[in-house]
Structures are given as structure tokens and as C-alpha cells.
C-alpha atoms as a PDB file:
ATOM      1  CA  MET A   1     -25.436  16.933  11.926  1.00  0.00           C
ATOM      2  CA  ASP A   2     -22.568  15.352  10.104  1.00  0.00           C
ATOM      3  CA  ILE A   3     -21.318  12.573  12.904  1.00  0.00           C
ATOM      4  CA  LYS A   4     -19.165   9.289  11.950  1.00  0.00           C
ATOM      5  CA  LYS A   5     -20.832   6.829  14.385  1.00  0.00           C
ATOM      6  CA  ASP A   6     -17.660   5.263  15.075  1.00  0.00           C
ATOM      7  CA  LEU A   7     -13.861   4.979  14.028  1.00  0.00           C
ATOM      8  CA  ILE A   8     -14.364   2.606  11.095  1.00  0.00           C
ATOM      9  CA  ASN A   9     -16.694   4.828   9.723  1.00  0.00           C
ATOM     10  CA  THR A  10     -14.266   7.424   9.057  1.00  0.00           C
ATOM     11  CA  ILE A  11     -12.174   5.423   6.710  1.00  0.00           C
ATOM     12  CA  GLY A  12     -12.250   6.187   2.926  1.00  0.00           C
ATOM     13  CA  ASN A  13     -13.400   9.104   1.134  1.00  0.00           C
ATOM     14  CA  THR A  14      -9.737  11.028   0.959  1.00  0.00           C
ATOM     15  CA  PRO A  15      -9.104  13.606  -1.064  1.00  0.00           C
ATOM     16  CA  LEU A  16      -7.735  13.387  -4.280  1.00  0.00           C
ATOM     17  CA  ILE A  17      -4.262  16.241  -4.160  1.00  0.00           C
ATOM     18  CA  ARG A  18      -2.970  17.886  -7.549  1.00  0.00           C
ATOM     19  CA  ILE A  19       0.581  17.558  -6.987  1.00  0.00           C
ATOM     20  CA  LYS A  20       1.641  21.078  -8.260  1.00  0.00           C
ATOM     21  CA  SER A  21       5.641  20.760  -8.766  1.00  0.00           C
ATOM     22  CA  TYR A  22       5.247  17.418 -11.052  1.00  0.00           C
ATOM     23  CA  SER A  23       2.356  18.615 -12.791  1.00  0.00           C
ATOM     24  CA  GLU A  24       3.785  21.474 -13.826  1.00  0.00           C
ATOM     25  CA  GLU A  25       7.062  20.038 -14.730  1.00  0.00           C
ATOM     26  CA  THR A  26       5.426  17.463 -17.056  1.00  0.00           C
ATOM     27  CA  GLY A  27       2.070  19.221 -17.717  1.00  0.00           C
ATOM     28  CA  CYS A  28      -0.204  16.599 -16.716  1.00  0.00           C
ATOM     29  CA  ASN A  29      -2.507  16.389 -13.952  1.00  0.00           C
ATOM     30  CA  ILE A  30      -0.615  13.900 -11.453  1.00  0.00           C
ATOM     31  CA  LEU A  31      -2.975  13.274  -8.929  1.00  0.00           C
ATOM     32  CA  GLY A  32      -2.751  11.563  -5.877  1.00  0.00           C
ATOM     33  CA  LYS A  33      -5.225   9.565  -3.545  1.00  0.00           C
ATOM     34  CA  ALA A  34      -4.516  10.931   0.083  1.00  0.00           C
ATOM     35  CA  GLU A  35      -4.643   7.827   1.814  1.00  0.00           C
ATOM     36  CA  PHE A  36      -2.316   8.687   4.667  1.00  0.00           C
ATOM     37  CA  LEU A  37      -5.266  10.506   5.851  1.00  0.00           C
ATOM     38  CA  ASN A  38      -7.246   7.321   7.097  1.00  0.00           C
ATOM     39  CA  PRO A  39      -7.730   7.075  10.859  1.00  0.00           C
ATOM     40  CA  GLY A  40      -4.904   4.818  10.995  1.00  0.00           C
ATOM     41  CA  GLY A  41      -2.415   6.632   8.519  1.00  0.00           C
ATOM     42  CA  SER A  42      -2.406   4.733   5.507  1.00  0.00           C
ATOM     43  CA  VAL A  43      -4.261   3.217   2.472  1.00  0.00           C
ATOM     44  CA  LYS A  44      -4.551  -0.821   4.290  1.00  0.00           C
ATOM     45  CA  ASP A  45      -7.271   0.627   6.900  1.00  0.00           C
ATOM     46  CA  ARG A  46      -9.511  -0.136   3.798  1.00  0.00           C
ATOM     47  CA  ALA A  47      -8.532  -3.742   3.196  1.00  0.00           C
ATOM     48  CA  ALA A  48      -8.217  -3.890   6.978  1.00  0.00           C
ATOM     49  CA  SER A  49     -11.924  -3.127   7.782  1.00  0.00           C
ATOM     50  CA  TYR A  50     -13.003  -5.112   4.730  1.00  0.00           C
ATOM     51  CA  ILE A  51     -11.486  -8.552   5.927  1.00  0.00           C
ATOM     52  CA  ILE A  52     -12.879  -8.041   9.430  1.00  0.00           C
ATOM     53  CA  LYS A  53     -16.508  -7.549   8.188  1.00  0.00           C
ATOM     54  CA  ASN A  54     -16.166 -10.471   5.873  1.00  0.00           C
ATOM     55  CA  ALA A  55     -14.939 -12.978   8.714  1.00  0.00           C
ATOM     56  CA  GLU A  56     -17.592 -11.386  10.508  1.00  0.00           C
ATOM     57  CA  GLU A  57     -20.379 -11.605   7.868  1.00  0.00           C
ATOM     58  CA  LYS A  58     -18.895 -15.827   7.663  1.00  0.00           C
ATOM     59  CA  GLY A  59     -19.205 -16.419  10.866  1.00  0.00           C
ATOM     60  CA  LEU A  60     -15.458 -16.918  11.297  1.00  0.00           C
ATOM     61  CA  LEU A  61     -14.853 -14.368  14.021  1.00  0.00           C
ATOM     62  CA  LYS A  62     -16.994 -13.908  16.930  1.00  0.00           C
ATOM     63  CA  PRO A  63     -17.049 -11.623  19.979  1.00  0.00           C
ATOM     64  CA  GLY A  64     -13.949 -11.699  21.844  1.00  0.00           C
ATOM     65  CA  GLY A  65     -11.979 -13.303  18.887  1.00  0.00           C
ATOM     66  CA  THR A  66      -8.205 -12.977  17.581  1.00  0.00           C
ATOM     67  CA  VAL A  67      -7.299 -11.425  14.273  1.00  0.00           C
ATOM     68  CA  VAL A  68      -3.767 -12.645  13.350  1.00  0.00           C
ATOM     69  CA  GLU A  69      -1.852 -11.320  10.262  1.00  0.00           C
ATOM     70  CA  GLY A  70       1.560 -11.544   8.872  1.00  0.00           C
ATOM     71  CA  THR A  71       2.546  -7.757   7.625  1.00  0.00           C
ATOM     72  CA  ALA A  72       4.962  -5.423   6.844  1.00  0.00           C
ATOM     73  CA  GLY A  73       2.849  -2.932   9.449  1.00  0.00           C
ATOM     74  CA  ASN A  74       0.513  -0.667   7.869  1.00  0.00           C
ATOM     75  CA  THR A  75      -2.167  -3.555   7.512  1.00  0.00           C
ATOM     76  CA  GLY A  76      -1.144  -4.489  11.297  1.00  0.00           C
ATOM     77  CA  ILE A  77      -1.679  -0.810  12.369  1.00  0.00           C
ATOM     78  CA  GLY A  78      -5.520  -0.665  10.578  1.00  0.00           C
ATOM     79  CA  LEU A  79      -6.387  -4.058  11.923  1.00  0.00           C
ATOM     80  CA  ALA A  80      -5.087  -3.242  15.323  1.00  0.00           C
ATOM     81  CA  HIS A  81      -7.343  -0.031  15.092  1.00  0.00           C
ATOM     82  CA  ILE A  82     -10.285  -1.961  14.276  1.00  0.00           C
ATOM     83  CA  CYS A  83      -9.925  -4.740  16.639  1.00  0.00           C
ATOM     84  CA  ASN A  84      -9.578  -2.369  19.663  1.00  0.00           C
ATOM     85  CA  ALA A  85     -13.096  -0.323  18.141  1.00  0.00           C
ATOM     86  CA  LYS A  86     -14.872  -4.189  17.523  1.00  0.00           C
ATOM     87  CA  GLY A  87     -13.078  -5.664  21.070  1.00  0.00           C
ATOM     88  CA  TYR A  88     -10.868  -8.095  19.335  1.00  0.00           C
ATOM     89  CA  LYS A  89      -7.456  -8.924  19.653  1.00  0.00           C
ATOM     90  CA  CYS A  90      -4.720  -8.634  17.487  1.00  0.00           C
ATOM     91  CA  ILE A  91      -1.532 -10.850  16.578  1.00  0.00           C
ATOM     92  CA  ILE A  92       0.711  -9.077  14.106  1.00  0.00           C
ATOM     93  CA  VAL A  93       3.918 -11.012  12.685  1.00  0.00           C
ATOM     94  CA  VAL A  94       6.504  -8.610  11.641  1.00  0.00           C
ATOM     95  CA  PRO A  95       9.922  -8.832   9.389  1.00  0.00           C
ATOM     96  CA  GLU A  96      12.143  -7.778  11.734  1.00  0.00           C
ATOM     97  CA  THR A  97      13.659  -5.357   8.872  1.00  0.00           C
ATOM     98  CA  GLN A  98      11.053  -3.051   8.989  1.00  0.00           C
ATOM     99  CA  SER A  99      11.099   0.378  10.344  1.00  0.00           C
ATOM    100  CA  GLN A 100      11.022   0.872  14.445  1.00  0.00           C
ATOM    101  CA  GLU A 101       8.120   3.746  14.510  1.00  0.00           C
ATOM    102  CA  LYS A 102       5.880   1.140  12.985  1.00  0.00           C
ATOM    103  CA  ILE A 103       6.640  -1.901  15.217  1.00  0.00           C
ATOM    104  CA  ASP A 104       6.102   0.525  18.282  1.00  0.00           C
ATOM    105  CA  LEU A 105       3.221   2.197  17.268  1.00  0.00           C
ATOM    106  CA  LEU A 106       1.715  -1.407  16.776  1.00  0.00           C
ATOM    107  CA  LYS A 107       2.642  -1.999  20.625  1.00  0.00           C
ATOM    108  CA  ILE A 108       1.116   0.928  21.815  1.00  0.00           C
ATOM    109  CA  LEU A 109      -2.048   0.059  19.835  1.00  0.00           C
ATOM    110  CA  GLY A 110      -2.267  -2.960  22.061  1.00  0.00           C
ATOM    111  CA  ALA A 111      -1.114  -5.479  19.221  1.00  0.00           C
ATOM    112  CA  ASP A 112       0.864  -8.473  20.243  1.00  0.00           C
ATOM    113  CA  VAL A 113       3.876  -8.293  18.429  1.00  0.00           C
ATOM    114  CA  ARG A 114       5.861 -10.967  16.990  1.00  0.00           C
ATOM    115  CA  LEU A 115       9.152 -10.056  14.903  1.00  0.00           C
ATOM    116  CA  VAL A 116      10.711 -12.950  12.612  1.00  0.00           C
ATOM    117  CA  PRO A 117      13.668 -12.877  10.575  1.00  0.00           C
ATOM    118  CA  ALA A 118      13.132 -11.421   6.765  1.00  0.00           C
ATOM    119  CA  VAL A 119      13.304 -14.272   4.774  1.00  0.00           C
ATOM    120  CA  PRO A 120      11.322 -15.332   1.408  1.00  0.00           C
ATOM    121  CA  TYR A 121       8.055 -16.428   0.669  1.00  0.00           C
ATOM    122  CA  LYS A 122       9.071 -20.095   0.051  1.00  0.00           C
ATOM    123  CA  ASN A 123      10.952 -20.275   4.024  1.00  0.00           C
ATOM    124  CA  PRO A 124       8.546 -21.745   6.058  1.00  0.00           C
ATOM    125  CA  GLU A 125       9.740 -19.022   8.420  1.00  0.00           C
ATOM    126  CA  ASN A 126       8.505 -16.159   6.275  1.00  0.00           C
ATOM    127  CA  TYR A 127       6.310 -13.828   8.466  1.00  0.00           C
ATOM    128  CA  VAL A 128       3.064 -14.525   6.697  1.00  0.00           C
ATOM    129  CA  LYS A 129       3.351 -18.190   6.993  1.00  0.00           C
ATOM    130  CA  VAL A 130       4.343 -18.147  10.571  1.00  0.00           C
ATOM    131  CA  SER A 131       0.553 -15.909  10.835  1.00  0.00           C
ATOM    132  CA  SER A 132      -1.027 -18.716   8.997  1.00  0.00           C
ATOM    133  CA  ARG A 133       0.417 -20.968  11.690  1.00  0.00           C
ATOM    134  CA  LEU A 134      -0.482 -18.974  14.409  1.00  0.00           C
ATOM    135  CA  ALA A 135      -4.186 -18.420  13.739  1.00  0.00           C
ATOM    136  CA  LYS A 136      -4.672 -22.341  13.475  1.00  0.00           C
ATOM    137  CA  GLU A 137      -3.224 -22.815  16.868  1.00  0.00           C
ATOM    138  CA  ILE A 138      -5.301 -20.327  18.625  1.00  0.00           C
ATOM    139  CA  ASP A 139      -9.184 -20.967  19.559  1.00  0.00           C
ATOM    140  CA  ASN A 140     -12.315 -18.005  17.949  1.00  0.00           C
ATOM    141  CA  ALA A 141      -9.175 -16.891  15.684  1.00  0.00           C
ATOM    142  CA  VAL A 142      -8.795 -15.537  11.904  1.00  0.00           C
ATOM    143  CA  TRP A 143      -6.054 -15.419   9.558  1.00  0.00           C
ATOM    144  CA  ALA A 144      -6.557 -12.078   7.957  1.00  0.00           C
ATOM    145  CA  ASN A 145      -4.428 -13.821   5.339  1.00  0.00           C
ATOM    146  CA  GLN A 146      -4.158  -9.867   3.185  1.00  0.00           C
ATOM    147  CA  PHE A 147      -2.287 -11.164   0.247  1.00  0.00           C
ATOM    148  CA  ASP A 148      -4.762 -14.186  -0.935  1.00  0.00           C
ATOM    149  CA  ASN A 149      -8.341 -12.841   0.812  1.00  0.00           C
ATOM    150  CA  LEU A 150     -10.210 -11.194  -1.862  1.00  0.00           C
ATOM    151  CA  ALA A 151     -11.905  -9.067   0.411  1.00  0.00           C
ATOM    152  CA  ASN A 152      -8.797  -6.920   0.587  1.00  0.00           C
ATOM    153  CA  ARG A 153      -9.750  -6.086  -3.708  1.00  0.00           C
ATOM    154  CA  GLU A 154     -12.915  -5.885  -2.418  1.00  0.00           C
ATOM    155  CA  ALA A 155     -12.178  -2.684  -0.598  1.00  0.00           C
ATOM    156  CA  HIS A 156     -11.061  -0.948  -3.307  1.00  0.00           C
ATOM    157  CA  TYR A 157     -13.194  -2.277  -6.056  1.00  0.00           C
ATOM    158  CA  LYS A 158     -16.086  -1.029  -3.978  1.00  0.00           C
ATOM    159  CA  THR A 159     -14.739   2.397  -2.368  1.00  0.00           C
ATOM    160  CA  THR A 160     -11.492   3.096  -3.973  1.00  0.00           C
ATOM    161  CA  GLY A 161     -12.114   2.897  -7.585  1.00  0.00           C
ATOM    162  CA  PRO A 162     -15.651   4.487  -7.343  1.00  0.00           C
ATOM    163  CA  GLU A 163     -14.043   7.792  -5.405  1.00  0.00           C
ATOM    164  CA  ILE A 164     -11.215   8.366  -8.334  1.00  0.00           C
ATOM    165  CA  TRP A 165     -13.809   8.031 -10.589  1.00  0.00           C
ATOM    166  CA  ASN A 166     -16.121  10.171  -8.875  1.00  0.00           C
ATOM    167  CA  GLN A 167     -13.764  12.678  -7.514  1.00  0.00           C
ATOM    168  CA  THR A 168     -12.212  13.110 -11.338  1.00  0.00           C
ATOM    169  CA  ASP A 169     -15.561  12.960 -13.355  1.00  0.00           C
ATOM    170  CA  GLY A 170     -14.332   9.782 -15.274  1.00  0.00           C
ATOM    171  CA  LYS A 171     -11.575  12.295 -17.036  1.00  0.00           C
ATOM    172  CA  ILE A 172      -8.967   9.875 -16.332  1.00  0.00           C
ATOM    173  CA  ASP A 173      -6.465   8.738 -18.693  1.00  0.00           C
ATOM    174  CA  ALA A 174      -4.060   6.195 -16.337  1.00  0.00           C
ATOM    175  CA  TRP A 175      -4.424   4.559 -12.699  1.00  0.00           C
ATOM    176  CA  ILE A 176      -0.353   3.742 -11.595  1.00  0.00           C
ATOM    177  CA  SER A 177       0.041   2.135  -8.096  1.00  0.00           C
ATOM    178  CA  ALA A 178       2.768   0.171  -6.829  1.00  0.00           C
ATOM    179  CA  THR A 179       1.552  -3.235  -5.254  1.00  0.00           C
ATOM    180  CA  GLY A 180       1.842  -5.511  -2.289  1.00  0.00           C
ATOM    181  CA  THR A 181      -0.535  -7.775  -1.752  1.00  0.00           C
ATOM    182  CA  GLY A 182      -2.061  -6.536  -5.010  1.00  0.00           C
ATOM    183  CA  GLY A 183      -5.591  -5.095  -3.175  1.00  0.00           C
ATOM    184  CA  THR A 184      -4.973  -1.549  -4.008  1.00  0.00           C
ATOM    185  CA  TYR A 185      -3.981  -1.710  -7.436  1.00  0.00           C
ATOM    186  CA  ALA A 186      -6.281  -4.935  -8.524  1.00  0.00           C
ATOM    187  CA  GLY A 187      -9.336  -3.607  -6.915  1.00  0.00           C
ATOM    188  CA  THR A 188      -9.137  -0.009  -8.203  1.00  0.00           C
ATOM    189  CA  ALA A 189      -7.829  -1.354 -11.619  1.00  0.00           C
ATOM    190  CA  LEU A 190     -11.203  -3.502 -12.202  1.00  0.00           C
ATOM    191  CA  PHE A 191     -13.196  -0.938 -11.253  1.00  0.00           C
ATOM    192  CA  LEU A 192     -11.798   1.751 -13.504  1.00  0.00           C
ATOM    193  CA  LYS A 193     -11.733  -0.721 -16.915  1.00  0.00           C
ATOM    194  CA  GLU A 194     -15.359  -1.644 -16.037  1.00  0.00           C
ATOM    195  CA  GLN A 195     -16.067   2.153 -16.672  1.00  0.00           C
ATOM    196  CA  ASN A 196     -13.760   2.929 -19.321  1.00  0.00           C
ATOM    197  CA  PRO A 197     -11.723   0.301 -20.998  1.00  0.00           C
ATOM    198  CA  LYS A 198      -9.158   2.644 -22.327  1.00  0.00           C
ATOM    199  CA  ILE A 199      -8.010   3.718 -18.979  1.00  0.00           C
ATOM    200  CA  LYS A 200      -4.306   2.788 -18.685  1.00  0.00           C
ATOM    201  CA  CYS A 201      -3.885   0.446 -15.407  1.00  0.00           C
ATOM    202  CA  ILE A 202       0.102   0.216 -14.978  1.00  0.00           C
ATOM    203  CA  ILE A 203       2.219  -0.816 -11.954  1.00  0.00           C
ATOM    204  CA  ALA A 204       4.863   0.531 -10.113  1.00  0.00           C
ATOM    205  CA  ASP A 205       7.487  -1.539  -9.044  1.00  0.00           C
ATOM    206  CA  PRO A 206      10.354  -1.175  -6.965  1.00  0.00           C
ATOM    207  CA  MET A 207      13.904  -3.391  -7.728  1.00  0.00           C
ATOM    208  CA  GLY A 208      14.231  -6.351  -5.799  1.00  0.00           C
ATOM    209  CA  SER A 209      10.370  -7.380  -6.674  1.00  0.00           C
ATOM    210  CA  GLY A 210      10.092  -9.710  -9.821  1.00  0.00           C
ATOM    211  CA  LEU A 211       6.328  -8.007 -11.214  1.00  0.00           C
ATOM    212  CA  TYR A 212       7.918  -5.701 -13.887  1.00  0.00           C
ATOM    213  CA  SER A 213       9.899  -8.699 -15.044  1.00  0.00           C
ATOM    214  CA  TYR A 214       6.329 -10.627 -14.921  1.00  0.00           C
ATOM    215  CA  VAL A 215       4.315  -7.863 -17.143  1.00  0.00           C
ATOM    216  CA  LYS A 216       7.374  -7.643 -19.506  1.00  0.00           C
ATOM    217  CA  THR A 217       8.644 -11.157 -20.109  1.00  0.00           C
ATOM    218  CA  GLY A 218       6.189 -13.190 -18.534  1.00  0.00           C
ATOM    219  CA  GLU A 219       8.482 -14.905 -15.686  1.00  0.00           C
ATOM    220  CA  ILE A 220       9.115 -13.113 -12.531  1.00  0.00           C
ATOM    221  CA  LYS A 221      12.534 -12.580 -11.663  1.00  0.00           C
ATOM    222  CA  SER A 222      13.963  -9.957  -9.683  1.00  0.00           C
ATOM    223  CA  GLU A 223      17.018  -7.301  -9.822  1.00  0.00           C
ATOM    224  CA  GLY A 224      18.658  -6.070  -7.296  1.00  0.00           C
ATOM    225  CA  ASN A 225      16.700  -4.827  -3.667  1.00  0.00           C
ATOM    226  CA  SER A 226      14.849  -1.835  -2.197  1.00  0.00           C
ATOM    227  CA  ILE A 227      14.482   0.128   0.967  1.00  0.00           C
ATOM    228  CA  THR A 228      11.144   0.681   0.638  1.00  0.00           C
ATOM    229  CA  GLU A 229       8.411  -1.080   2.899  1.00  0.00           C
ATOM    230  CA  GLY A 230       5.220  -2.975   2.072  1.00  0.00           C
ATOM    231  CA  ILE A 231       5.829  -3.071  -1.638  1.00  0.00           C
ATOM    232  CA  GLY A 232       6.783  -5.483  -4.254  1.00  0.00           C
ATOM    233  CA  ASN A 233       6.413  -9.171  -4.467  1.00  0.00           C
ATOM    234  CA  SER A 234       7.774 -12.555  -5.857  1.00  0.00           C
ATOM    235  CA  ARG A 235       4.718 -14.028  -6.795  1.00  0.00           C
ATOM    236  CA  ILE A 236       1.370 -13.372  -8.033  1.00  0.00           C
ATOM    237  CA  THR A 237      -1.298 -13.291  -5.190  1.00  0.00           C
ATOM    238  CA  ALA A 238      -4.859 -14.139  -5.226  1.00  0.00           C
ATOM    239  CA  ASN A 239      -5.997 -10.115  -5.062  1.00  0.00           C
ATOM    240  CA  MET A 240      -3.497  -9.723  -8.417  1.00  0.00           C
ATOM    241  CA  GLN A 241      -4.903 -12.851 -10.444  1.00  0.00           C
ATOM    242  CA  GLY A 242      -7.075 -11.701 -13.396  1.00  0.00           C
ATOM    243  CA  ALA A 243      -6.065  -8.086 -12.580  1.00  0.00           C
ATOM    244  CA  PRO A 244      -5.947  -5.718 -15.825  1.00  0.00           C
ATOM    245  CA  ILE A 245      -2.308  -4.963 -16.203  1.00  0.00           C
ATOM    246  CA  ASP A 246      -1.117  -2.796 -19.241  1.00  0.00           C
ATOM    247  CA  ASP A 247       2.664  -2.068 -18.191  1.00  0.00           C
ATOM    248  CA  ALA A 248       4.832  -1.669 -15.381  1.00  0.00           C
ATOM    249  CA  ILE A 249       7.527   0.982 -14.714  1.00  0.00           C
ATOM    250  CA  GLN A 250      10.157   0.250 -12.249  1.00  0.00           C
ATOM    251  CA  ILE A 251      11.788   2.711 -10.274  1.00  0.00           C
ATOM    252  CA  ASN A 252      15.036   2.937  -8.439  1.00  0.00           C
ATOM    253  CA  ASP A 253      15.625   4.246  -4.636  1.00  0.00           C
ATOM    254  CA  HIS A 254      17.807   6.901  -5.736  1.00  0.00           C
ATOM    255  CA  THR A 255      14.685   8.442  -8.191  1.00  0.00           C
ATOM    256  CA  ALA A 256      11.805   7.646  -4.571  1.00  0.00           C
ATOM    257  CA  ILE A 257      14.047   9.510  -2.429  1.00  0.00           C
ATOM    258  CA  GLN A 258      14.409  12.589  -4.990  1.00  0.00           C
ATOM    259  CA  VAL A 259      10.928  11.977  -5.106  1.00  0.00           C
ATOM    260  CA  ILE A 260      10.066  12.130  -1.706  1.00  0.00           C
ATOM    261  CA  ASN A 261      12.160  15.272  -0.834  1.00  0.00           C
ATOM    262  CA  GLN A 262      10.805  17.224  -3.838  1.00  0.00           C
ATOM    263  CA  LEU A 263       7.116  16.349  -2.650  1.00  0.00           C
ATOM    264  CA  LEU A 264       8.369  17.775   0.847  1.00  0.00           C
ATOM    265  CA  SER A 265      10.119  20.639  -0.206  1.00  0.00           C
ATOM    266  CA  HIS A 266       8.229  21.753  -2.700  1.00  0.00           C
ATOM    267  CA  ASP A 267       4.321  20.384  -2.048  1.00  0.00           C
ATOM    268  CA  GLY A 268       4.308  20.154   1.560  1.00  0.00           C
ATOM    269  CA  LEU A 269       3.840  16.761   1.560  1.00  0.00           C
ATOM    270  CA  PHE A 270       5.509  14.795   4.317  1.00  0.00           C
ATOM    271  CA  MET A 271       5.428  10.966   2.651  1.00  0.00           C
ATOM    272  CA  GLY A 272       6.424   7.285   3.276  1.00  0.00           C
ATOM    273  CA  GLY A 273       8.901   5.429   1.005  1.00  0.00           C
ATOM    274  CA  SER A 274       6.505   3.881  -1.024  1.00  0.00           C
ATOM    275  CA  VAL A 275       4.771   7.013  -2.411  1.00  0.00           C
ATOM    276  CA  GLY A 276       8.563   7.856  -4.137  1.00  0.00           C
ATOM    277  CA  ILE A 277       8.129   4.880  -6.108  1.00  0.00           C
ATOM    278  CA  ASN A 278       3.957   5.262  -7.063  1.00  0.00           C
ATOM    279  CA  VAL A 279       4.652   9.382  -7.717  1.00  0.00           C
ATOM    280  CA  GLY A 280       8.021   8.447  -9.674  1.00  0.00           C
ATOM    281  CA  ALA A 281       6.344   5.639 -11.376  1.00  0.00           C
ATOM    282  CA  ALA A 282       3.360   8.549 -12.103  1.00  0.00           C
ATOM    283  CA  VAL A 283       6.098  11.256 -13.862  1.00  0.00           C
ATOM    284  CA  ALA A 284       7.867   8.713 -15.843  1.00  0.00           C
ATOM    285  CA  LEU A 285       4.373   7.592 -16.957  1.00  0.00           C
ATOM    286  CA  ALA A 286       3.451  11.666 -17.741  1.00  0.00           C
ATOM    287  CA  LYS A 287       6.295  12.279 -19.617  1.00  0.00           C
ATOM    288  CA  LYS A 288       6.042   8.837 -21.928  1.00  0.00           C
ATOM    289  CA  LEU A 289       2.330   9.742 -22.283  1.00  0.00           C
ATOM    290  CA  GLY A 290       2.561  14.011 -23.118  1.00  0.00           C
ATOM    291  CA  PRO A 291       1.566  16.782 -21.880  1.00  0.00           C
ATOM    292  CA  GLY A 292      -2.444  17.136 -20.868  1.00  0.00           C
ATOM    293  CA  HIS A 293      -2.972  13.779 -19.408  1.00  0.00           C
ATOM    294  CA  THR A 294      -4.668  13.001 -15.997  1.00  0.00           C
ATOM    295  CA  ILE A 295      -2.510  10.146 -14.152  1.00  0.00           C
ATOM    296  CA  VAL A 296      -3.636   8.823 -10.406  1.00  0.00           C
ATOM    297  CA  THR A 297      -1.678   7.163  -8.132  1.00  0.00           C
ATOM    298  CA  VAL A 298      -1.705   6.553  -4.608  1.00  0.00           C
ATOM    299  CA  LEU A 299      -0.020   8.295  -1.385  1.00  0.00           C
ATOM    300  CA  CYS A 300      -0.172   5.327   0.954  1.00  0.00           C
ATOM    301  CA  ASP A 301       1.363   6.939   4.105  1.00  0.00           C
ATOM    302  CA  GLY A 302       2.896   9.484   5.472  1.00  0.00           C
ATOM    303  CA  GLY A 303       6.794  10.103   6.307  1.00  0.00           C
ATOM    304  CA  ALA A 304       6.313  10.051  10.373  1.00  0.00           C
ATOM    305  CA  ARG A 305       6.762   6.338  10.288  1.00  0.00           C
ATOM    306  CA  TYR A 306      10.162   5.967   8.552  1.00  0.00           C
ATOM    307  CA  GLN A 307      11.885   9.129  10.143  1.00  0.00           C
ATOM    308  CA  SER A 308      14.709   7.050  11.249  1.00  0.00           C
ATOM    309  CA  ARG A 309      15.350   5.966   8.297  1.00  0.00           C
ATOM    310  CA  ILE A 310      14.575   7.346   5.122  1.00  0.00           C
ATOM    311  CA  TYR A 311      14.485  11.052   6.550  1.00  0.00           C
ATOM    312  CA  ASN A 312      17.648  10.146   8.348  1.00  0.00           C
ATOM    313  CA  LYS A 313      20.578  11.466   6.576  1.00  0.00           C
ATOM    314  CA  LYS A 314      23.124   8.864   8.713  1.00  0.00           C
ATOM    315  CA  TRP A 315      20.954   6.046   7.685  1.00  0.00           C
ATOM    316  CA  LEU A 316      20.685   7.359   4.127  1.00  0.00           C
ATOM    317  CA  LYS A 317      24.726   7.464   4.172  1.00  0.00           C
ATOM    318  CA  GLU A 318      25.043   3.692   5.349  1.00  0.00           C
ATOM    319  CA  LYS A 319      22.537   3.041   2.070  1.00  0.00           C
ATOM    320  CA  GLY A 320      24.327   5.476  -0.156  1.00  0.00           C
ATOM    321  CA  LEU A 321      21.222   7.566  -0.912  1.00  0.00           C
ATOM    322  CA  LEU A 322      22.470  10.667   1.413  1.00  0.00           C
ATOM    323  CA  ASN A 323      23.245  13.378  -1.367  1.00  0.00           C
ATOM    324  CA  ILE A 324      20.225  13.442  -3.520  1.00  0.00           C
ATOM    325  CA  GLU A 325      19.048  16.910  -4.873  1.00  0.00           C
ATOM    326  CA  CYS A 326      15.434  17.533  -5.545  1.00  0.00           C
END
């Protein structure tokens, strides 16, 4: 019998989906790792699992303990699922700009949700710094610290990267992904480069993030802003340090919305906003490389967590993003 012993053992081993419409348009195989099929609904389940496992192995998290994290939502959702499965308490600090769907889901999962203003990382009231202070104030608590906890990228080095390599039989030309904490991009890139140094590893970056500038000029400078949640950064996290980066592609919100509309109407994929950045960048790369290449990206999460925003005509109109055709 093939029976998973618990929820945690269902994380990972997600399918690799050929995105038909864009593959046919570009002549490349554009493949999406279906991370929205993880039990917590996103790629962040992998990091959450490894972060908690690492804390347990180091003796930092004991029975009845509390996991504290600052997150835009998906890591918190993954942590809440796993905390429930393992009997831990969970406190999640979230910027108040995040979608109501994610905030509501965190509460349904039993997390103690603390909303804070969305301010830059350098501000002491930034959600990451607030969560760090909270963890220090609570007995038997651990700060997940997803941005700088290397257990995050280890999850992808040990699982996501090998899965992609095996699923493509090693026939992959490029890996491209947006990065927030850096765990998904860096862990996967490190593994794939070890298997074949010729694989291109490229960052997909939204407007408002400084990583595109960093790759192109060596300086972190941000321009504009983005409606996407949980991706982009104004610093190089510990997870990103030493990660191979061959190039970066910047995608604006108009393109991202056009992409998620096409994925829904042509491919039947109901995706979140960051997928628009990822697939948009993969398409741009495919057009640059030319037909015949295999490009892999991440389908980070589904669209249900963003229905009140990127699938809401009134909200899109307020953002000047409504009249976008596929």
C-alpha cells in the first residue's frame, strides 16, 4: 500500500507541468513546478517543514513550543499546518497589505496573527524584526527566520532541485524564479549547477525590488512598485549569498496580469500573482534563447488566495490594470 504516514510526508514530489500555450508560442518547453499542489497550497511548505525539522534536531524547539515568524502569508500558512500536525503553537506577523484571503486562512488554521504596517526592512517595525523580538519574549519559542535560515534553501537543495533534475532526465537549459527569501531560487540553483554548470540560473524580479539592479550593476536599487506579494527584496539574504546567478529579468505588473489571465483561459491554471512574474520571465527568456530549449520555473501558489485582488475587476481598475487582454 502507498500510504503517507502524516501530512508532512505529503510535501514535495510535485508534478512538472508543460505550459502548453506559452510552449507553443515560443517553441521552447516551458515547465512549471506545481508547488500549489503541496498540502499547504504553496512552495513555502518545503521551507516550513525543513525549518521546523532543523529547530527540532538542534533542540531549539521542544514539545508544546511556539513557532514565530514574519511572513507575507504562504510561509505562515505552511508553518501553521505543520505546527498543528506536530502540536506546536504558531504566531505569525503579517504586513497589513497582504491579501485578506491569506490572513483569514492563517486564523482558520489557528495561528495567532499579528498585523503590522508594511514598512521597509530597515525600519524596526518591519514585520520580520517584530517577529524576531516576539520570539525572544516567549518561553520555548523559536524564530523561523525564513530569510536568513539556511534550512530554507536546504529544503530546495535536497528536494526541489533533485526532483526537477529527475523529472527532466537532466535535460534542462535554464532555471528561472522570483526570489523573496531566496530559498527556492538558491537551493534549486545550487543543486542544478552541481549537476550541469551549463544550466542558466536566472532571477525573475518584479518592479520595486532591488535584485534586478543588483545583478545588472552590482548595486541594489529599486524602481517602481508591484502588486505581487512575497517576492522581491531590497537586500541579499543569507539564503541568497553564494547562489549562482547568471542573469536577471524584470517583469512589470501589466505583463504579470496578462500572463495569469492567459494561464487561466488557455491552460486551465488558476495561479497567484508571483506566478505571473515567474512565467512572464520564463517566456521572455524563451524568446531570447530561441526555440528548442527547456526552461523550468515555479508555479508558487494558486489564485484562490488573491481572488479579492488580482481576480477582482474593481481592485484591478483602481490599480490601472483592468483592461489587459490575454
